[in-house]
Amino acid sequence: MFVWNALEWQSQYEKSSYEDIQILGPYDYYSVMHYPIPAPRTHLPSFEVLQKGIDLSRIGQRAGQTQIDKDKIKRLYS
Protein backbone atom coordinates (compact mmCIF):
# COMPACT_ATOMS: atom_id res chain seq x y z
CA MET A 1 0.00 0.00 0.00
CA PHE A 2 1.51 3.33 -1.04
CA VAL A 3 1.84 6.20 1.39
CA TRP A 4 0.96 8.86 -1.15
CA ASN A 5 1.83 11.92 0.93
CA ALA A 6 5.44 10.70 1.22
CA LEU A 7 5.93 10.67 -2.56
CA GLU A 8 6.53 13.40 -5.06
CA TRP A 9 4.18 12.21 -7.80
CA GLN A 10 5.45 12.13 -11.36
CA SER A 11 3.03 11.36 -14.16
CA GLN A 12 5.48 9.80 -16.64
CA TYR A 13 4.50 6.28 -15.59
CA GLU A 14 1.85 4.30 -17.44
CA LYS A 15 -0.22 1.86 -15.42
CA SER A 16 -0.11 -1.76 -16.58
CA SER A 17 -3.20 -3.91 -16.69
CA TYR A 18 -3.79 -6.67 -14.14
CA GLU A 19 -3.57 -9.26 -16.93
CA ASP A 20 -0.17 -7.96 -18.09
CA ILE A 21 1.21 -8.17 -14.57
CA GLN A 22 -0.10 -11.71 -14.00
CA ILE A 23 1.76 -13.01 -17.08
CA LEU A 24 5.07 -12.23 -15.38
CA GLY A 25 4.43 -14.38 -12.33
CA PRO A 26 4.53 -13.69 -8.59
CA TYR A 27 5.27 -10.29 -7.09
CA ASP A 28 8.91 -10.05 -5.98
CA TYR A 29 9.52 -7.77 -3.01
CA TYR A 30 13.23 -8.65 -3.15
CA SER A 31 13.68 -7.79 -6.84
CA VAL A 32 16.71 -5.71 -7.73
CA MET A 33 14.20 -3.41 -9.47
CA HIS A 34 12.08 -2.82 -6.34
CA TYR A 35 12.21 0.59 -4.72
CA PRO A 36 13.46 0.76 -1.14
CA ILE A 37 10.81 1.58 1.46
CA PRO A 38 12.00 5.12 2.29
CA ALA A 39 11.12 7.75 -0.34
CA PRO A 40 14.32 9.25 -1.81
CA ARG A 41 13.86 12.87 -0.81
CA THR A 42 11.71 12.70 2.29
CA HIS A 43 13.12 9.44 3.71
CA LEU A 44 9.59 8.68 4.90
CA PRO A 45 8.07 5.26 4.19
CA SER A 46 6.69 5.35 0.63
CA PHE A 47 4.70 2.14 0.97
CA GLU A 48 3.59 -0.39 3.54
CA VAL A 49 3.95 -4.14 3.06
CA LEU A 50 0.68 -5.89 3.88
CA GLN A 51 1.85 -9.44 3.14
CA LYS A 52 3.09 -11.34 6.19
CA GLY A 53 6.56 -12.90 6.29
CA ILE A 54 8.36 -10.32 4.11
CA ASP A 55 11.83 -9.30 5.33
CA LEU A 56 11.61 -5.50 5.11
CA SER A 57 15.40 -5.13 5.28
CA ARG A 58 15.73 -6.95 1.92
CA ILE A 59 13.32 -4.70 0.00
CA GLY A 60 15.24 -2.46 -2.38
CA GLN A 61 18.35 -4.63 -2.27
CA ARG A 62 21.01 -4.08 -4.95
CA ALA A 63 23.14 -7.21 -4.39
CA GLY A 64 21.88 -8.90 -7.54
CA GLN A 65 18.97 -10.38 -9.45
CA THR A 66 16.63 -12.75 -7.67
CA GLN A 67 15.53 -15.97 -9.33
CA ILE A 68 12.15 -14.33 -9.93
CA ASP A 69 13.92 -11.41 -11.68
CA LYS A 70 15.67 -13.89 -13.96
CA ASP A 71 12.44 -15.79 -14.68
CA LYS A 72 10.62 -12.57 -15.59
CA ILE A 73 13.42 -11.47 -17.93
CA LYS A 74 13.20 -14.85 -19.69
CA ARG A 75 9.41 -14.47 -20.07
CA LEU A 76 9.74 -10.96 -21.49
CA TYR A 77 12.61 -11.58 -23.88
CA SER A 78 12.18 -15.19 -25.03
PDB file of N, CA and C in Angstrom:
ATOM      1  N   MET A   1       0.850  -1.166   0.000  1.00  0.00           N
ATOM      2  CA  MET A   1       0.000   0.000   0.000  1.00  0.00           C
ATOM      3  C   MET A   1       0.899   1.233   0.000  1.00  0.00           C
ATOM      4  N   PHE A   2       0.697   2.127  -0.946  1.00  0.00           N
ATOM      5  CA  PHE A   2       1.510   3.335  -1.041  1.00  0.00           C
ATOM      6  C   PHE A   2       1.096   4.353   0.008  1.00  0.00           C
ATOM      7  N   VAL A   3       2.080   5.066   0.510  1.00  0.00           N
ATOM      8  CA  VAL A   3       1.835   6.201   1.393  1.00  0.00           C
ATOM      9  C   VAL A   3       2.003   7.435   0.510  1.00  0.00           C
ATOM     10  N   TRP A   4       0.912   7.857  -0.097  1.00  0.00           N
ATOM     11  CA  TRP A   4       0.960   8.860  -1.154  1.00  0.00           C
ATOM     12  C   TRP A   4       1.547  10.193  -0.716  1.00  0.00           C
ATOM     13  N   ASN A   5       1.317  10.612   0.514  1.00  0.00           N
ATOM     14  CA  ASN A   5       1.828  11.921   0.929  1.00  0.00           C
ATOM     15  C   ASN A   5       3.336  11.923   1.152  1.00  0.00           C
ATOM     16  N   ALA A   6       3.993  10.763   1.086  1.00  0.00           N
ATOM     17  CA  ALA A   6       5.442  10.700   1.220  1.00  0.00           C
ATOM     18  C   ALA A   6       6.137  10.757  -0.140  1.00  0.00           C
ATOM     19  N   LEU A   7       5.363  10.703  -1.213  1.00  0.00           N
ATOM     20  CA  LEU A   7       5.929  10.666  -2.558  1.00  0.00           C
ATOM     21  C   LEU A   7       5.749  11.986  -3.276  1.00  0.00           C
ATOM     22  N   GLU A   8       6.694  12.277  -4.140  1.00  0.00           N
ATOM     23  CA  GLU A   8       6.535  13.397  -5.056  1.00  0.00           C
ATOM     24  C   GLU A   8       6.064  12.787  -6.365  1.00  0.00           C
ATOM     25  N   TRP A   9       4.778  12.908  -6.671  1.00  0.00           N
ATOM     26  CA  TRP A   9       4.179  12.212  -7.799  1.00  0.00           C
ATOM     27  C   TRP A   9       4.720  12.734  -9.127  1.00  0.00           C
ATOM     28  N   GLN A  10       5.017  11.796 -10.010  1.00  0.00           N
ATOM     29  CA  GLN A  10       5.448  12.130 -11.356  1.00  0.00           C
ATOM     30  C   GLN A  10       4.569  11.340 -12.307  1.00  0.00           C
ATOM     31  N   SER A  11       4.030  11.987 -13.308  1.00  0.00           N
ATOM     32  CA  SER A  11       3.032  11.357 -14.163  1.00  0.00           C
ATOM     33  C   SER A  11       3.613  10.659 -15.392  1.00  0.00           C
ATOM     34  N   GLN A  12       4.907  10.424 -15.455  1.00  0.00           N
ATOM     35  CA  GLN A  12       5.475   9.802 -16.644  1.00  0.00           C
ATOM     36  C   GLN A  12       5.271   8.288 -16.675  1.00  0.00           C
ATOM     37  N   TYR A  13       4.680   7.720 -15.652  1.00  0.00           N
ATOM     38  CA  TYR A  13       4.500   6.280 -15.589  1.00  0.00           C
ATOM     39  C   TYR A  13       3.133   5.887 -16.123  1.00  0.00           C
ATOM     40  N   GLU A  14       3.101   4.826 -16.913  1.00  0.00           N
ATOM     41  CA  GLU A  14       1.855   4.299 -17.437  1.00  0.00           C
ATOM     42  C   GLU A  14       1.465   3.071 -16.635  1.00  0.00           C
ATOM     43  N   LYS A  15       0.251   2.986 -16.225  1.00  0.00           N
ATOM     44  CA  LYS A  15      -0.222   1.863 -15.421  1.00  0.00           C
ATOM     45  C   LYS A  15      -0.429   0.637 -16.307  1.00  0.00           C
ATOM     46  N   SER A  16       0.082  -0.502 -15.868  1.00  0.00           N
ATOM     47  CA  SER A  16      -0.108  -1.761 -16.582  1.00  0.00           C
ATOM     48  C   SER A  16      -1.414  -2.405 -16.148  1.00  0.00           C
ATOM     49  N   SER A  17      -1.967  -3.212 -17.027  1.00  0.00           N
ATOM     50  CA  SER A  17      -3.202  -3.907 -16.686  1.00  0.00           C
ATOM     51  C   SER A  17      -2.902  -5.074 -15.746  1.00  0.00           C
ATOM     52  N   TYR A  18      -3.916  -5.519 -15.044  1.00  0.00           N
ATOM     53  CA  TYR A  18      -3.793  -6.667 -14.145  1.00  0.00           C
ATOM     54  C   TYR A  18      -3.348  -7.901 -14.924  1.00  0.00           C
ATOM     55  N   GLU A  19      -3.907  -8.095 -16.105  1.00  0.00           N
ATOM     56  CA  GLU A  19      -3.573  -9.255 -16.935  1.00  0.00           C
ATOM     57  C   GLU A  19      -2.095  -9.234 -17.339  1.00  0.00           C
ATOM     58  N   ASP A  20      -1.582  -8.066 -17.707  1.00  0.00           N
ATOM     59  CA  ASP A  20      -0.165  -7.956 -18.086  1.00  0.00           C
ATOM     60  C   ASP A  20       0.750  -8.315 -16.927  1.00  0.00           C
ATOM     61  N   ILE A  21       0.393  -7.897 -15.754  1.00  0.00           N
ATOM     62  CA  ILE A  21       1.210  -8.170 -14.569  1.00  0.00           C
ATOM     63  C   ILE A  21       1.188  -9.658 -14.227  1.00  0.00           C
ATOM     64  N   GLN A  22       0.031 -10.290 -14.348  1.00  0.00           N
ATOM     65  CA  GLN A  22      -0.101 -11.706 -13.998  1.00  0.00           C
ATOM     66  C   GLN A  22       0.731 -12.606 -14.904  1.00  0.00           C
ATOM     67  N   ILE A  23       0.957 -12.216 -16.134  1.00  0.00           N
ATOM     68  CA  ILE A  23       1.756 -13.008 -17.077  1.00  0.00           C
ATOM     69  C   ILE A  23       3.185 -13.184 -16.560  1.00  0.00           C
ATOM     70  N   LEU A  24       3.677 -12.200 -15.845  1.00  0.00           N
ATOM     71  CA  LEU A  24       5.068 -12.228 -15.383  1.00  0.00           C
ATOM     72  C   LEU A  24       5.296 -13.130 -14.180  1.00  0.00           C
ATOM     73  N   GLY A  25       4.256 -13.502 -13.477  1.00  0.00           N
ATOM     74  CA  GLY A  25       4.431 -14.383 -12.331  1.00  0.00           C
ATOM     75  C   GLY A  25       4.271 -13.648 -11.012  1.00  0.00           C
ATOM     76  N   PRO A  26       4.768 -14.241  -9.919  1.00  0.00           N
ATOM     77  CA  PRO A  26       4.532 -13.687  -8.589  1.00  0.00           C
ATOM     78  C   PRO A  26       5.238 -12.347  -8.368  1.00  0.00           C
ATOM     79  N   TYR A  27       4.661 -11.561  -7.464  1.00  0.00           N
ATOM     80  CA  TYR A  27       5.274 -10.289  -7.092  1.00  0.00           C
ATOM     81  C   TYR A  27       6.547 -10.559  -6.307  1.00  0.00           C
ATOM     82  N   ASP A  28       7.599  -9.815  -6.594  1.00  0.00           N
ATOM     83  CA  ASP A  28       8.911 -10.054  -5.982  1.00  0.00           C
ATOM     84  C   ASP A  28       9.352  -8.833  -5.179  1.00  0.00           C
ATOM     85  N   TYR A  29       9.097  -8.872  -3.879  1.00  0.00           N
ATOM     86  CA  TYR A  29       9.518  -7.766  -3.014  1.00  0.00           C
ATOM     87  C   TYR A  29      11.038  -7.613  -2.987  1.00  0.00           C
ATOM     88  N   TYR A  30      11.768  -8.681  -3.251  1.00  0.00           N
ATOM     89  CA  TYR A  30      13.232  -8.654  -3.151  1.00  0.00           C
ATOM     90  C   TYR A  30      13.908  -8.395  -4.489  1.00  0.00           C
ATOM     91  N   SER A  31      13.131  -8.065  -5.514  1.00  0.00           N
ATOM     92  CA  SER A  31      13.680  -7.790  -6.836  1.00  0.00           C
ATOM     93  C   SER A  31      14.702  -6.664  -6.777  1.00  0.00           C
ATOM     94  N   VAL A  32      15.714  -6.775  -7.618  1.00  0.00           N
ATOM     95  CA  VAL A  32      16.707  -5.713  -7.733  1.00  0.00           C
ATOM     96  C   VAL A  32      16.062  -4.429  -8.276  1.00  0.00           C
ATOM     97  N   MET A  33      14.902  -4.564  -8.906  1.00  0.00           N
ATOM     98  CA  MET A  33      14.196  -3.410  -9.466  1.00  0.00           C
ATOM     99  C   MET A  33      13.223  -2.765  -8.472  1.00  0.00           C
ATOM    100  N   HIS A  34      13.045  -3.355  -7.313  1.00  0.00           N
ATOM    101  CA  HIS A  34      12.077  -2.819  -6.344  1.00  0.00           C
ATOM    102  C   HIS A  34      12.651  -1.584  -5.657  1.00  0.00           C
ATOM    103  N   TYR A  35      11.801  -0.595  -5.471  1.00  0.00           N
ATOM    104  CA  TYR A  35      12.205   0.595  -4.723  1.00  0.00           C
ATOM    105  C   TYR A  35      12.407   0.249  -3.251  1.00  0.00           C
ATOM    106  N   PRO A  36      13.367   0.897  -2.592  1.00  0.00           N
ATOM    107  CA  PRO A  36      13.463   0.755  -1.137  1.00  0.00           C
ATOM    108  C   PRO A  36      12.238   1.392  -0.472  1.00  0.00           C
ATOM    109  N   ILE A  37      11.991   1.051   0.764  1.00  0.00           N
ATOM    110  CA  ILE A  37      10.808   1.577   1.462  1.00  0.00           C
ATOM    111  C   ILE A  37      10.877   3.088   1.666  1.00  0.00           C
ATOM    112  N   PRO A  38      12.000   3.668   2.114  1.00  0.00           N
ATOM    113  CA  PRO A  38      12.002   5.124   2.289  1.00  0.00           C
ATOM    114  C   PRO A  38      11.971   5.867   0.949  1.00  0.00           C
ATOM    115  N   ALA A  39      11.144   6.911   0.857  1.00  0.00           N
ATOM    116  CA  ALA A  39      11.122   7.753  -0.336  1.00  0.00           C
ATOM    117  C   ALA A  39      12.451   8.500  -0.434  1.00  0.00           C
ATOM    118  N   PRO A  40      12.984   8.683  -1.648  1.00  0.00           N
ATOM    119  CA  PRO A  40      14.321   9.249  -1.813  1.00  0.00           C
ATOM    120  C   PRO A  40      14.545  10.616  -1.174  1.00  0.00           C
ATOM    121  N   ARG A  41      13.620  11.513  -1.323  1.00  0.00           N
ATOM    122  CA  ARG A  41      13.855  12.874  -0.812  1.00  0.00           C
ATOM    123  C   ARG A  41      13.383  13.082   0.621  1.00  0.00           C
ATOM    124  N   THR A  42      12.275  12.464   0.963  1.00  0.00           N
ATOM    125  CA  THR A  42      11.706  12.695   2.289  1.00  0.00           C
ATOM    126  C   THR A  42      12.205  11.686   3.323  1.00  0.00           C
ATOM    127  N   HIS A  43      12.683  10.546   2.847  1.00  0.00           N
ATOM    128  CA  HIS A  43      13.121   9.443   3.713  1.00  0.00           C
ATOM    129  C   HIS A  43      11.993   8.893   4.584  1.00  0.00           C
ATOM    130  N   LEU A  44      10.757   9.227   4.226  1.00  0.00           N
ATOM    131  CA  LEU A  44       9.590   8.678   4.900  1.00  0.00           C
ATOM    132  C   LEU A  44       9.184   7.394   4.187  1.00  0.00           C
ATOM    133  N   PRO A  45       8.520   6.481   4.868  1.00  0.00           N
ATOM    134  CA  PRO A  45       8.068   5.261   4.186  1.00  0.00           C
ATOM    135  C   PRO A  45       7.166   5.610   3.009  1.00  0.00           C
ATOM    136  N   SER A  46       7.479   5.057   1.825  1.00  0.00           N
ATOM    137  CA  SER A  46       6.693   5.349   0.627  1.00  0.00           C
ATOM    138  C   SER A  46       5.636   4.289   0.379  1.00  0.00           C
ATOM    139  N   PHE A  47       5.724   3.169   1.062  1.00  0.00           N
ATOM    140  CA  PHE A  47       4.703   2.137   0.971  1.00  0.00           C
ATOM    141  C   PHE A  47       4.766   1.270   2.210  1.00  0.00           C
ATOM    142  N   GLU A  48       3.697   0.521   2.406  1.00  0.00           N
ATOM    143  CA  GLU A  48       3.589  -0.388   3.542  1.00  0.00           C
ATOM    144  C   GLU A  48       3.365  -1.793   2.999  1.00  0.00           C
ATOM    145  N   VAL A  49       4.099  -2.755   3.493  1.00  0.00           N
ATOM    146  CA  VAL A  49       3.952  -4.137   3.057  1.00  0.00           C
ATOM    147  C   VAL A  49       2.846  -4.788   3.883  1.00  0.00           C
ATOM    148  N   LEU A  50       1.818  -5.267   3.197  1.00  0.00           N
ATOM    149  CA  LEU A  50       0.684  -5.890   3.876  1.00  0.00           C
ATOM    150  C   LEU A  50       0.863  -7.396   4.007  1.00  0.00           C
ATOM    151  N   GLN A  51       1.638  -7.990   3.114  1.00  0.00           N
ATOM    152  CA  GLN A  51       1.847  -9.442   3.141  1.00  0.00           C
ATOM    153  C   GLN A  51       2.733  -9.824   4.323  1.00  0.00           C
ATOM    154  N   LYS A  52       2.331 -10.852   5.032  1.00  0.00           N
ATOM    155  CA  LYS A  52       3.091 -11.336   6.192  1.00  0.00           C
ATOM    156  C   LYS A  52       4.325 -12.114   5.737  1.00  0.00           C
ATOM    157  N   GLY A  53       5.372 -12.092   6.547  1.00  0.00           N
ATOM    158  CA  GLY A  53       6.557 -12.896   6.288  1.00  0.00           C
ATOM    159  C   GLY A  53       7.576 -12.262   5.357  1.00  0.00           C
ATOM    160  N   ILE A  54       7.404 -11.003   4.995  1.00  0.00           N
ATOM    161  CA  ILE A  54       8.355 -10.323   4.112  1.00  0.00           C
ATOM    162  C   ILE A  54       9.431  -9.651   4.959  1.00  0.00           C
ATOM    163  N   ASP A  55      10.693  -9.906   4.631  1.00  0.00           N
ATOM    164  CA  ASP A  55      11.828  -9.304   5.325  1.00  0.00           C
ATOM    165  C   ASP A  55      12.020  -7.881   4.796  1.00  0.00           C
ATOM    166  N   LEU A  56      11.573  -6.897   5.558  1.00  0.00           N
ATOM    167  CA  LEU A  56      11.608  -5.504   5.112  1.00  0.00           C
ATOM    168  C   LEU A  56      13.026  -5.011   4.832  1.00  0.00           C
ATOM    169  N   SER A  57      14.020  -5.570   5.492  1.00  0.00           N
ATOM    170  CA  SER A  57      15.401  -5.133   5.280  1.00  0.00           C
ATOM    171  C   SER A  57      15.934  -5.538   3.903  1.00  0.00           C
ATOM    172  N   ARG A  58      15.282  -6.500   3.242  1.00  0.00           N
ATOM    173  CA  ARG A  58      15.726  -6.954   1.924  1.00  0.00           C
ATOM    174  C   ARG A  58      15.041  -6.222   0.766  1.00  0.00           C
ATOM    175  N   ILE A  59      14.024  -5.437   1.057  1.00  0.00           N
ATOM    176  CA  ILE A  59      13.320  -4.700   0.000  1.00  0.00           C
ATOM    177  C   ILE A  59      14.205  -3.561  -0.474  1.00  0.00           C
ATOM    178  N   GLY A  60      14.379  -3.491  -1.797  1.00  0.00           N
ATOM    179  CA  GLY A  60      15.235  -2.461  -2.377  1.00  0.00           C
ATOM    180  C   GLY A  60      16.692  -2.867  -2.433  1.00  0.00           C
ATOM    181  N   GLN A  61      16.975  -4.144  -2.252  1.00  0.00           N
ATOM    182  CA  GLN A  61      18.354  -4.634  -2.269  1.00  0.00           C
ATOM    183  C   GLN A  61      18.978  -4.422  -3.646  1.00  0.00           C
ATOM    184  N   ARG A  62      20.283  -4.268  -3.693  1.00  0.00           N
ATOM    185  CA  ARG A  62      21.006  -4.077  -4.948  1.00  0.00           C
ATOM    186  C   ARG A  62      22.143  -5.078  -5.097  1.00  0.00           C
ATOM    187  N   ALA A  63      22.072  -6.197  -4.348  1.00  0.00           N
ATOM    188  CA  ALA A  63      23.137  -7.207  -4.387  1.00  0.00           C
ATOM    189  C   ALA A  63      23.119  -8.014  -5.677  1.00  0.00           C
ATOM    190  N   GLY A  64      21.964  -8.136  -6.307  1.00  0.00           N
ATOM    191  CA  GLY A  64      21.878  -8.901  -7.541  1.00  0.00           C
ATOM    192  C   GLY A  64      20.461  -9.326  -7.836  1.00  0.00           C
ATOM    193  N   GLN A  65      20.286  -9.934  -9.025  1.00  0.00           N
ATOM    194  CA  GLN A  65      18.968 -10.378  -9.448  1.00  0.00           C
ATOM    195  C   GLN A  65      18.510 -11.568  -8.624  1.00  0.00           C
ATOM    196  N   THR A  66      17.220 -11.577  -8.315  1.00  0.00           N
ATOM    197  CA  THR A  66      16.633 -12.746  -7.665  1.00  0.00           C
ATOM    198  C   THR A  66      16.290 -13.765  -8.750  1.00  0.00           C
ATOM    199  N   GLN A  67      15.953 -14.967  -8.348  1.00  0.00           N
ATOM    200  CA  GLN A  67      15.527 -15.966  -9.333  1.00  0.00           C
ATOM    201  C   GLN A  67      14.254 -15.517 -10.036  1.00  0.00           C
ATOM    202  N   ILE A  68      13.376 -14.837  -9.302  1.00  0.00           N
ATOM    203  CA  ILE A  68      12.148 -14.331  -9.931  1.00  0.00           C
ATOM    204  C   ILE A  68      12.481 -13.257 -10.960  1.00  0.00           C
ATOM    205  N   ASP A  69      13.456 -12.392 -10.680  1.00  0.00           N
ATOM    206  CA  ASP A  69      13.917 -11.409 -11.678  1.00  0.00           C
ATOM    207  C   ASP A  69      14.339 -12.130 -12.958  1.00  0.00           C
ATOM    208  N   LYS A  70      15.154 -13.155 -12.799  1.00  0.00           N
ATOM    209  CA  LYS A  70      15.668 -13.890 -13.961  1.00  0.00           C
ATOM    210  C   LYS A  70      14.543 -14.559 -14.738  1.00  0.00           C
ATOM    211  N   ASP A  71      13.586 -15.136 -14.017  1.00  0.00           N
ATOM    212  CA  ASP A  71      12.444 -15.789 -14.677  1.00  0.00           C
ATOM    213  C   ASP A  71      11.614 -14.771 -15.463  1.00  0.00           C
ATOM    214  N   LYS A  72      11.409 -13.584 -14.902  1.00  0.00           N
ATOM    215  CA  LYS A  72      10.622 -12.573 -15.588  1.00  0.00           C
ATOM    216  C   LYS A  72      11.342 -12.061 -16.835  1.00  0.00           C
ATOM    217  N   ILE A  73      12.644 -11.894 -16.757  1.00  0.00           N
ATOM    218  CA  ILE A  73      13.421 -11.470 -17.934  1.00  0.00           C
ATOM    219  C   ILE A  73      13.285 -12.512 -19.052  1.00  0.00           C
ATOM    220  N   LYS A  74      13.369 -13.790 -18.688  1.00  0.00           N
ATOM    221  CA  LYS A  74      13.197 -14.848 -19.695  1.00  0.00           C
ATOM    222  C   LYS A  74      11.811 -14.779 -20.339  1.00  0.00           C
ATOM    223  N   ARG A  75      10.765 -14.543 -19.527  1.00  0.00           N
ATOM    224  CA  ARG A  75       9.408 -14.469 -20.073  1.00  0.00           C
ATOM    225  C   ARG A  75       9.255 -13.281 -21.022  1.00  0.00           C
ATOM    226  N   LEU A  76       9.885 -12.162 -20.668  1.00  0.00           N
ATOM    227  CA  LEU A  76       9.743 -10.958 -21.489  1.00  0.00           C
ATOM    228  C   LEU A  76      10.545 -11.005 -22.784  1.00  0.00           C
ATOM    229  N   TYR A  77      11.694 -11.650 -22.746  1.00  0.00           N
ATOM    230  CA  TYR A  77      12.611 -11.583 -23.878  1.00  0.00           C
ATOM    231  C   TYR A  77      12.841 -12.907 -24.587  1.00  0.00           C
ATOM    232  N   SER A  78      12.034 -13.902 -24.322  1.00  0.00           N
ATOM    233  CA  SER A  78      12.175 -15.189 -25.026  1.00  0.00           C
ATOM    234  C   SER A  78      11.148 -15.315 -26.115  1.00  0.00           C
TER     235      SER A  78
END
